[in-house]
Protein backbone atom coordinates (compact mmCIF):
# COMPACT_ATOMS: atom_id res chain seq x y z
CA MET A 1 -0.07 -0.16 0.14
CA ASN A 2 1.16 3.48 -0.96
CA TYR A 3 1.00 5.90 2.08
CA PHE A 4 0.90 9.36 1.35
CA ASN A 5 2.10 11.76 4.15
CA PHE A 6 -0.51 14.79 3.82
CA GLN A 7 1.02 16.84 6.64
CA LYS A 8 4.08 17.58 4.53
CA LEU A 9 2.26 18.31 1.29
CA ILE A 10 0.14 21.29 3.75
CA PRO A 11 3.25 23.31 4.27
CA GLY A 12 3.66 23.51 0.65
CA ILE A 13 0.16 24.31 -0.51
CA LEU A 14 -0.35 26.85 2.16
CA PHE A 15 2.64 28.84 1.08
CA VAL A 16 1.19 28.91 -2.54
CA PHE A 17 -2.13 29.79 -1.29
CA VAL A 18 -0.43 32.81 0.84
CA ILE A 19 1.43 33.90 -2.47
CA SER A 20 -1.15 33.60 -4.54
CA PHE A 21 -3.72 35.34 -2.42
CA SER A 22 -1.03 38.17 -1.76
CA THR A 23 -0.42 38.71 -5.59
CA ILE A 24 -4.36 38.91 -6.25
CA SER A 25 -4.44 41.48 -3.87
CA GLN A 26 -1.81 43.57 -4.97
CA GLU A 27 -3.16 43.01 -8.69
CA ASN A 28 -6.59 44.47 -7.40
CA ILE A 29 -5.96 47.63 -6.03
CA ASN A 30 -5.32 50.75 -8.84
CA ILE A 31 -3.27 53.61 -7.47
CA THR A 32 -3.67 57.16 -8.41
CA SER A 33 -0.86 59.65 -6.50
CA GLY A 34 -0.93 63.33 -6.53
CA GLU A 35 1.64 65.73 -6.12
CA THR A 36 4.29 65.42 -3.29
CA GLU A 37 4.97 67.42 -0.90
CA LEU A 38 7.97 68.08 1.80
CA VAL A 39 6.49 67.71 5.35
CA PHE A 40 9.97 67.84 6.77
CA GLU A 41 13.53 68.35 6.75
CA ASP A 42 16.71 68.48 9.00
CA GLN A 43 20.10 67.40 8.55
CA PHE A 44 19.30 63.22 9.40
CA ILE A 45 16.10 63.09 7.71
CA LYS A 46 13.63 63.74 4.94
CA ILE A 47 9.84 63.85 4.76
CA GLU A 48 7.51 63.80 2.21
CA GLY A 49 3.40 63.29 1.99
CA THR A 50 2.16 62.29 -1.52
CA ILE A 51 -1.78 62.21 -1.43
CA THR A 52 -2.90 58.93 -2.91
CA GLU A 53 -6.16 56.92 -3.86
CA CYS A 54 -6.33 53.26 -3.25
CA ASP A 55 -9.21 52.00 -5.39
CA ASN A 56 -9.39 48.37 -3.73
CA LEU A 57 -11.08 46.74 -6.49
CA SER A 58 -11.89 43.64 -4.67
CA SER A 59 -13.34 45.00 -1.72
CA GLY A 60 -15.42 47.84 -3.28
CA ILE A 61 -12.98 50.28 -0.76
CA ASN A 62 -11.44 53.41 -2.49
CA ASN A 63 -10.05 55.24 0.28
CA SER A 64 -7.30 57.80 0.26
CA TYR A 65 -4.30 58.50 1.78
CA VAL A 66 -1.13 60.54 2.48
CA MET A 67 1.79 58.35 1.80
CA LEU A 68 4.83 58.86 3.76
CA LYS A 69 8.36 58.75 1.83
CA ILE A 70 10.79 59.00 4.83
CA THR A 71 14.35 59.28 3.21
CA ASN A 72 17.82 59.11 5.60
CA LEU A 73 20.40 61.64 4.43
CA THR A 74 23.10 60.19 6.33
CA GLN A 75 25.72 57.52 5.95
CA ASP A 76 24.76 56.51 9.91
CA THR A 77 21.75 54.23 11.39
CA ARG A 78 19.10 56.91 12.17
CA SER A 79 16.64 55.82 14.92
CA PHE A 80 13.47 58.38 15.61
CA LYS A 81 10.09 58.84 16.46
CA ILE A 82 7.62 60.38 15.24
CA GLN A 83 4.21 61.77 16.74
CA GLN A 84 1.02 61.96 13.98
CA ASP A 85 -1.21 64.93 15.10
CA LEU A 86 -3.83 64.84 12.45
CA TYR A 87 -6.86 67.24 11.72
CA PHE A 88 -10.15 66.05 10.17
CA ASP A 89 -12.52 68.95 9.67
CA GLY A 90 -10.31 71.36 11.57
CA THR A 91 -10.54 69.47 14.62
CA CYS A 92 -7.23 67.40 15.89
CA LEU A 93 -8.22 63.71 16.75
CA THR A 94 -4.83 62.35 17.60
CA CYS A 95 -3.41 65.19 19.10
CA GLY A 96 -0.98 63.86 22.42
CA LYS A 97 -2.39 59.98 21.87
CA GLU A 98 0.39 57.91 22.15
CA GLU A 99 -1.18 55.33 19.54
CA TYR A 100 0.38 57.88 16.80
CA LEU A 101 3.42 57.94 18.19
CA PHE A 102 5.23 56.31 15.98
CA SER A 103 9.38 54.21 15.65
CA TYR A 104 11.51 54.53 13.53
CA THR A 105 14.99 53.13 11.97
CA LEU A 106 16.59 53.53 8.89
CA SER A 107 19.89 52.18 7.65
CA PRO A 108 22.49 54.35 5.90
CA GLY A 109 20.30 56.37 2.83
CA GLU A 110 17.18 54.11 3.78
CA ILE A 111 13.91 55.15 2.12
CA LYS A 112 10.79 54.13 3.24
CA ILE A 113 7.34 54.41 1.36
CA GLY A 114 4.08 54.01 2.84
CA LYS A 115 1.52 51.75 0.63
CA CYS A 116 -2.03 51.12 -0.42
CA SER A 117 -1.52 47.07 0.92
CA GLU A 118 -0.14 47.60 3.81
CA SER A 119 -2.46 48.74 6.90
CA GLU A 120 0.28 50.44 9.14
CA GLN A 121 -0.60 53.60 9.75
CA SER A 122 3.11 54.86 10.65
CA MET A 123 3.31 54.78 6.76
CA ARG A 124 0.26 56.39 5.65
CA LEU A 125 -2.25 58.76 7.13
CA PHE A 126 -5.75 58.37 6.44
CA HIS A 127 -7.11 61.14 4.11
CA HIS A 128 -10.94 60.22 3.15
CA MET A 129 -13.50 57.88 2.25
CA PRO A 130 -15.74 58.77 -0.87
CA PRO A 131 -19.04 60.95 0.59
CA THR A 132 -21.47 58.46 0.18
CA TYR A 133 -19.54 56.75 3.38
CA SER A 134 -17.80 59.52 5.24
CA LYS A 135 -17.98 63.47 4.81
CA THR A 136 -14.77 63.25 7.25
CA VAL A 137 -11.73 64.32 5.37
CA LEU A 138 -7.90 65.32 6.65
CA THR A 139 -7.56 68.86 6.33
CA ASP A 140 -4.52 69.45 7.84
CA TYR A 141 -1.32 67.20 9.55
CA GLN A 142 1.79 67.46 11.82
CA LEU A 143 4.38 65.06 11.87
CA HIS A 144 6.39 66.14 15.27
CA VAL A 145 9.97 64.00 15.05
CA THR A 146 12.14 63.52 17.92
CA HIS A 147 15.61 62.16 17.27
CA LEU A 148 16.41 59.26 19.42
C-alpha cells in the first residue's frame, strides 16, 4: 500500500495559497497619486507626503491616504519617533494620543515608502473615503520628529 504523507504537503499548499492571495490582492488595487509635498526636513531625515487614492477593486473600498516617504539623508543608522497630529475637518483627533507615536529606524541612505496594500498607520495617514460613506476629511497634519 502506498502511503502518502499529507502533513508534508500542507506547508507547501499553504505557501502557494498565501503567495497567490497576496499577488491577487496587490493586483486588485488601482493607485492614483497626486503631487508630493515636503513635510519635514533636517540634516538627518526628509519626510514627504503624497495624497494617494487606493481603489481596492475586490473589496469596493476607495480610500485616500497621505503616503509617507521617509529618507535617511545620512550615512549612519538613524532612529527617531514621529507623533502624528491629524486634523479632521479642522479638529485634531490624534493630538497627544500615544497610538499615533511611531518609532522608526532607517539604515544609511534607506528610503521607506507607504503602500496601499499595507495596513500599518505609521507610513500612511488616512485622508478620506468616498462622501457616500463619510464626509470626514483630513484637513491638516503635523508630524513632530524626535531623534533618539
